[in-house]
Amino acid sequence: MAEKRRASSTRQVTKRKSGKRWSARVTRESDALTLDQGVFSKRSPRAIALSLKRSAERSRRRKSSPYRSAMSMLTFYINRAGKNLPASRKRTLRKAKDELREVFHKARAG
């Protein structure tokens, strides 16, 4: 019995270590979009939006519209990395959402 417990606790530790940065892996290796390197660290919200738009329109693997894919990836990044980002970066990324709506000619639902 003691061996079973040890094996399962070892498995949990291993799982925790490998699962710690799953969101970084999703951002890097997304099936929906192949992102330009450093897209989320750009200073300009417009540059972020244009890069996401270009990636979404080029992608052949995405399952929904380019707009939805781009917005989903940006929202995912904000939600996952947001805890560790300074307020200025969060502000830039939120503005990038507005820019994304603009470059895709989508009115903001209010």
N, C-alpha and C. Protein backbone atom coordinates (compact mmCIF):
# COMPACT_ATOMS: atom_id res chain seq x y z
N MET A 1 0.82 -1.20 0.00
CA MET A 1 0.00 0.00 0.00
C MET A 1 0.86 1.26 0.00
N ALA A 2 1.91 1.27 0.78
CA ALA A 2 2.76 2.46 0.88
C ALA A 2 3.38 2.80 -0.47
N GLU A 3 3.70 1.76 -1.25
CA GLU A 3 4.28 2.00 -2.57
C GLU A 3 3.30 2.70 -3.50
N LYS A 4 2.03 2.31 -3.44
CA LYS A 4 1.01 2.95 -4.28
C LYS A 4 0.91 4.43 -3.96
N ARG A 5 0.88 4.75 -2.68
CA ARG A 5 0.76 6.16 -2.28
C ARG A 5 1.96 6.96 -2.78
N ARG A 6 3.13 6.41 -2.63
CA ARG A 6 4.33 7.10 -3.06
C ARG A 6 4.31 7.34 -4.57
N ALA A 7 3.88 6.36 -5.31
CA ALA A 7 3.84 6.48 -6.77
C ALA A 7 2.88 7.58 -7.20
N SER A 8 1.72 7.63 -6.56
CA SER A 8 0.75 8.64 -6.96
C SER A 8 1.22 10.05 -6.56
N SER A 9 1.86 10.18 -5.41
CA SER A 9 2.33 11.51 -5.02
C SER A 9 3.48 11.96 -5.92
N THR A 10 4.30 11.03 -6.38
CA THR A 10 5.37 11.36 -7.31
C THR A 10 4.78 11.84 -8.63
N ARG A 11 3.74 11.18 -9.07
CA ARG A 11 3.07 11.56 -10.30
C ARG A 11 2.50 12.98 -10.19
N GLN A 12 1.92 13.29 -9.05
CA GLN A 12 1.33 14.62 -8.85
C GLN A 12 2.40 15.70 -8.88
N VAL A 13 3.53 15.44 -8.26
CA VAL A 13 4.61 16.43 -8.25
C VAL A 13 5.09 16.66 -9.68
N THR A 14 5.28 15.57 -10.42
CA THR A 14 5.73 15.69 -11.80
C THR A 14 4.70 16.47 -12.62
N LYS A 15 3.44 16.18 -12.42
CA LYS A 15 2.40 16.85 -13.17
C LYS A 15 2.40 18.34 -12.84
N ARG A 16 2.55 18.69 -11.58
CA ARG A 16 2.56 20.09 -11.18
C ARG A 16 3.73 20.83 -11.83
N LYS A 17 4.90 20.20 -11.84
CA LYS A 17 6.07 20.86 -12.42
C LYS A 17 5.88 21.11 -13.91
N SER A 18 5.39 20.13 -14.64
CA SER A 18 5.25 20.29 -16.08
C SER A 18 4.05 21.16 -16.43
N GLY A 19 3.05 21.20 -15.56
CA GLY A 19 1.85 21.97 -15.85
C GLY A 19 1.93 23.41 -15.41
N LYS A 20 3.03 23.81 -14.84
CA LYS A 20 3.13 25.14 -14.26
C LYS A 20 3.02 26.24 -15.31
N ARG A 21 3.57 26.06 -16.45
CA ARG A 21 3.58 27.10 -17.49
C ARG A 21 2.80 26.67 -18.74
N TRP A 22 1.69 26.03 -18.55
CA TRP A 22 0.91 25.54 -19.70
C TRP A 22 0.43 26.69 -20.56
N SER A 23 0.14 27.84 -19.96
CA SER A 23 -0.37 28.96 -20.75
C SER A 23 0.72 29.51 -21.68
N ALA A 24 1.95 29.49 -21.24
CA ALA A 24 3.05 29.93 -22.11
C ALA A 24 3.18 28.99 -23.31
N ARG A 25 2.99 27.70 -23.06
CA ARG A 25 3.07 26.73 -24.15
C ARG A 25 1.93 26.95 -25.14
N VAL A 26 0.73 27.23 -24.64
CA VAL A 26 -0.41 27.49 -25.51
C VAL A 26 -0.14 28.71 -26.38
N THR A 27 0.38 29.76 -25.77
CA THR A 27 0.69 30.98 -26.52
C THR A 27 1.73 30.70 -27.60
N ARG A 28 2.73 29.89 -27.28
CA ARG A 28 3.81 29.58 -28.21
C ARG A 28 3.37 28.61 -29.30
N GLU A 29 2.60 27.60 -28.95
CA GLU A 29 2.32 26.50 -29.86
C GLU A 29 0.84 26.35 -30.19
N SER A 30 0.12 27.44 -30.19
CA SER A 30 -1.32 27.40 -30.43
C SER A 30 -1.67 26.72 -31.74
N ASP A 31 -2.73 25.90 -31.72
CA ASP A 31 -3.20 25.30 -32.96
C ASP A 31 -3.99 26.30 -33.79
N ALA A 32 -4.47 27.35 -33.16
CA ALA A 32 -5.30 28.31 -33.86
C ALA A 32 -4.46 29.33 -34.64
N LEU A 33 -3.39 29.81 -34.03
CA LEU A 33 -2.60 30.87 -34.65
C LEU A 33 -1.11 30.61 -34.48
N THR A 34 -0.34 31.00 -35.47
CA THR A 34 1.10 31.05 -35.34
C THR A 34 1.43 32.51 -35.15
N LEU A 35 1.79 32.87 -33.93
CA LEU A 35 2.00 34.28 -33.58
C LEU A 35 3.41 34.73 -33.90
N ASP A 36 3.54 36.01 -34.24
CA ASP A 36 4.86 36.60 -34.39
C ASP A 36 5.54 36.61 -33.03
N GLN A 37 6.83 36.40 -33.03
CA GLN A 37 7.55 36.37 -31.76
C GLN A 37 7.48 37.74 -31.08
N GLY A 38 7.19 37.76 -29.82
CA GLY A 38 7.14 38.99 -29.05
C GLY A 38 5.93 39.87 -29.30
N VAL A 39 4.89 39.30 -29.89
CA VAL A 39 3.71 40.10 -30.23
C VAL A 39 3.11 40.78 -29.01
N PHE A 40 3.07 40.12 -27.88
CA PHE A 40 2.43 40.69 -26.70
C PHE A 40 3.35 41.64 -25.94
N SER A 41 4.60 41.74 -26.34
CA SER A 41 5.50 42.68 -25.68
C SER A 41 5.72 43.95 -26.50
N LYS A 42 5.03 44.07 -27.62
CA LYS A 42 5.12 45.30 -28.40
C LYS A 42 4.56 46.46 -27.57
N ARG A 43 5.07 47.65 -27.79
CA ARG A 43 4.64 48.82 -27.00
C ARG A 43 3.33 49.41 -27.49
N SER A 44 3.09 49.33 -28.77
CA SER A 44 1.91 49.97 -29.35
C SER A 44 0.72 49.01 -29.40
N PRO A 45 -0.44 49.43 -28.87
CA PRO A 45 -1.63 48.58 -28.97
C PRO A 45 -1.99 48.29 -30.43
N ARG A 46 -1.77 49.27 -31.30
CA ARG A 46 -2.08 49.09 -32.72
C ARG A 46 -1.17 48.03 -33.35
N ALA A 47 0.11 48.06 -32.99
CA ALA A 47 1.06 47.07 -33.51
C ALA A 47 0.67 45.66 -33.07
N ILE A 48 0.23 45.52 -31.83
CA ILE A 48 -0.23 44.23 -31.32
C ILE A 48 -1.44 43.76 -32.13
N ALA A 49 -2.41 44.67 -32.31
CA ALA A 49 -3.63 44.33 -33.04
C ALA A 49 -3.33 43.94 -34.48
N LEU A 50 -2.48 44.70 -35.15
CA LEU A 50 -2.16 44.40 -36.55
C LEU A 50 -1.42 43.07 -36.68
N SER A 51 -0.54 42.77 -35.74
CA SER A 51 0.18 41.50 -35.76
C SER A 51 -0.78 40.32 -35.55
N LEU A 52 -1.70 40.47 -34.59
CA LEU A 52 -2.69 39.40 -34.36
C LEU A 52 -3.60 39.23 -35.57
N LYS A 53 -3.98 40.33 -36.20
CA LYS A 53 -4.83 40.26 -37.39
C LYS A 53 -4.11 39.51 -38.51
N ARG A 54 -2.85 39.87 -38.73
CA ARG A 54 -2.07 39.23 -39.79
C ARG A 54 -1.94 37.73 -39.51
N SER A 55 -1.65 37.37 -38.27
CA SER A 55 -1.51 35.95 -37.90
C SER A 55 -2.82 35.20 -38.10
N ALA A 56 -3.93 35.82 -37.69
CA ALA A 56 -5.23 35.16 -37.79
C ALA A 56 -5.65 34.97 -39.24
N GLU A 57 -5.37 35.95 -40.07
CA GLU A 57 -5.77 35.84 -41.48
C GLU A 57 -4.91 34.85 -42.25
N ARG A 58 -3.67 34.68 -41.83
CA ARG A 58 -2.77 33.72 -42.51
C ARG A 58 -3.01 32.28 -42.07
N SER A 59 -3.56 32.11 -40.88
CA SER A 59 -3.70 30.78 -40.31
C SER A 59 -4.67 29.92 -41.11
N ARG A 60 -4.28 28.69 -41.33
CA ARG A 60 -5.16 27.72 -42.00
C ARG A 60 -5.70 26.71 -40.98
N ARG A 61 -5.26 26.83 -39.73
CA ARG A 61 -5.66 25.86 -38.71
C ARG A 61 -6.78 26.36 -37.82
N ARG A 62 -7.09 27.64 -37.90
CA ARG A 62 -8.10 28.18 -37.00
C ARG A 62 -9.47 27.59 -37.30
N LYS A 63 -10.31 27.57 -36.26
CA LYS A 63 -11.62 26.94 -36.41
C LYS A 63 -12.75 27.96 -36.48
N SER A 64 -12.45 29.23 -36.23
CA SER A 64 -13.49 30.24 -36.35
C SER A 64 -12.94 31.41 -37.17
N SER A 65 -13.66 32.52 -37.17
CA SER A 65 -13.26 33.66 -37.98
C SER A 65 -11.91 34.23 -37.50
N PRO A 66 -11.21 34.93 -38.39
CA PRO A 66 -9.94 35.53 -37.98
C PRO A 66 -10.11 36.48 -36.78
N TYR A 67 -11.19 37.25 -36.79
CA TYR A 67 -11.43 38.18 -35.68
C TYR A 67 -11.56 37.44 -34.35
N ARG A 68 -12.38 36.41 -34.34
CA ARG A 68 -12.60 35.65 -33.10
C ARG A 68 -11.32 34.97 -32.63
N SER A 69 -10.55 34.44 -33.56
CA SER A 69 -9.30 33.78 -33.19
C SER A 69 -8.31 34.78 -32.58
N ALA A 70 -8.18 35.93 -33.21
CA ALA A 70 -7.26 36.95 -32.72
C ALA A 70 -7.70 37.47 -31.35
N MET A 71 -8.98 37.77 -31.22
CA MET A 71 -9.49 38.29 -29.95
C MET A 71 -9.37 37.24 -28.85
N SER A 72 -9.62 36.00 -29.18
CA SER A 72 -9.49 34.91 -28.20
C SER A 72 -8.06 34.79 -27.69
N MET A 73 -7.11 34.87 -28.59
CA MET A 73 -5.71 34.74 -28.18
C MET A 73 -5.30 35.92 -27.30
N LEU A 74 -5.73 37.11 -27.65
CA LEU A 74 -5.41 38.29 -26.84
C LEU A 74 -6.06 38.20 -25.46
N THR A 75 -7.30 37.82 -25.42
CA THR A 75 -8.01 37.67 -24.14
C THR A 75 -7.36 36.59 -23.29
N PHE A 76 -7.02 35.48 -23.92
CA PHE A 76 -6.35 34.39 -23.22
C PHE A 76 -5.06 34.90 -22.57
N TYR A 77 -4.28 35.63 -23.34
CA TYR A 77 -3.01 36.13 -22.82
C TYR A 77 -3.24 37.08 -21.65
N ILE A 78 -4.19 37.98 -21.79
CA ILE A 78 -4.49 38.94 -20.71
C ILE A 78 -4.94 38.19 -19.45
N ASN A 79 -5.82 37.22 -19.62
CA ASN A 79 -6.34 36.48 -18.46
C ASN A 79 -5.28 35.62 -17.79
N ARG A 80 -4.40 35.02 -18.56
CA ARG A 80 -3.41 34.12 -17.99
C ARG A 80 -2.17 34.86 -17.49
N ALA A 81 -1.64 35.77 -18.28
CA ALA A 81 -0.41 36.46 -17.89
C ALA A 81 -0.71 37.69 -17.06
N GLY A 82 -1.95 38.13 -17.07
CA GLY A 82 -2.33 39.37 -16.42
C GLY A 82 -1.96 39.49 -14.97
N LYS A 83 -1.96 38.38 -14.27
CA LYS A 83 -1.62 38.41 -12.84
C LYS A 83 -0.20 38.90 -12.61
N ASN A 84 0.67 38.65 -13.55
CA ASN A 84 2.09 38.98 -13.37
C ASN A 84 2.54 40.19 -14.17
N LEU A 85 1.62 40.89 -14.80
CA LEU A 85 1.99 42.03 -15.62
C LEU A 85 1.81 43.34 -14.85
N PRO A 86 2.67 44.32 -15.13
CA PRO A 86 2.47 45.62 -14.52
C PRO A 86 1.22 46.29 -15.10
N ALA A 87 0.67 47.24 -14.37
CA ALA A 87 -0.57 47.91 -14.80
C ALA A 87 -0.42 48.55 -16.18
N SER A 88 0.74 49.09 -16.48
CA SER A 88 0.93 49.74 -17.79
C SER A 88 0.81 48.73 -18.94
N ARG A 89 1.33 47.51 -18.74
CA ARG A 89 1.22 46.47 -19.79
C ARG A 89 -0.23 46.05 -19.95
N LYS A 90 -0.93 45.87 -18.82
CA LYS A 90 -2.35 45.48 -18.89
C LYS A 90 -3.15 46.53 -19.64
N ARG A 91 -2.85 47.79 -19.38
CA ARG A 91 -3.54 48.88 -20.05
C ARG A 91 -3.29 48.82 -21.56
N THR A 92 -2.04 48.60 -21.94
CA THR A 92 -1.68 48.51 -23.36
C THR A 92 -2.42 47.35 -24.01
N LEU A 93 -2.48 46.21 -23.34
CA LEU A 93 -3.15 45.04 -23.90
C LEU A 93 -4.66 45.25 -24.00
N ARG A 94 -5.26 45.93 -23.01
CA ARG A 94 -6.69 46.24 -23.10
C ARG A 94 -6.97 47.19 -24.26
N LYS A 95 -6.08 48.15 -24.47
CA LYS A 95 -6.23 49.06 -25.61
C LYS A 95 -6.07 48.30 -26.93
N ALA A 96 -5.23 47.27 -26.91
CA ALA A 96 -5.05 46.45 -28.11
C ALA A 96 -6.35 45.76 -28.51
N LYS A 97 -7.19 45.43 -27.53
CA LYS A 97 -8.50 44.83 -27.84
C LYS A 97 -9.35 45.83 -28.63
N ASP A 98 -9.34 47.09 -28.19
CA ASP A 98 -10.09 48.12 -28.91
C ASP A 98 -9.53 48.30 -30.32
N GLU A 99 -8.21 48.30 -30.44
CA GLU A 99 -7.57 48.42 -31.75
C GLU A 99 -7.93 47.24 -32.65
N LEU A 100 -7.99 46.06 -32.06
CA LEU A 100 -8.33 44.86 -32.82
C LEU A 100 -9.74 44.99 -33.39
N ARG A 101 -10.66 45.47 -32.56
CA ARG A 101 -12.03 45.71 -33.04
C ARG A 101 -12.01 46.70 -34.21
N GLU A 102 -11.18 47.72 -34.08
CA GLU A 102 -11.11 48.75 -35.13
C GLU A 102 -10.54 48.19 -36.43
N VAL A 103 -9.44 47.44 -36.36
CA VAL A 103 -8.82 46.94 -37.59
C VAL A 103 -9.67 45.88 -38.27
N PHE A 104 -10.56 45.23 -37.51
CA PHE A 104 -11.48 44.27 -38.11
C PHE A 104 -12.84 44.90 -38.41
N HIS A 105 -12.96 46.22 -38.17
CA HIS A 105 -14.19 46.96 -38.44
C HIS A 105 -15.38 46.38 -37.67
N LYS A 106 -15.15 46.10 -36.41
CA LYS A 106 -16.21 45.58 -35.54
C LYS A 106 -16.60 46.67 -34.54
N ALA A 107 -17.89 46.90 -34.42
CA ALA A 107 -18.36 47.87 -33.43
C ALA A 107 -18.36 47.20 -32.07
N ARG A 108 -18.02 47.94 -31.06
CA ARG A 108 -18.00 47.39 -29.71
C ARG A 108 -19.44 47.26 -29.21
N ALA A 109 -19.79 46.06 -28.76
CA ALA A 109 -21.13 45.84 -28.19
C ALA A 109 -21.17 46.51 -26.84
N GLY A 110 -22.20 47.26 -26.59
CA GLY A 110 -22.19 47.99 -25.34
C GLY A 110 -23.41 47.84 -24.60
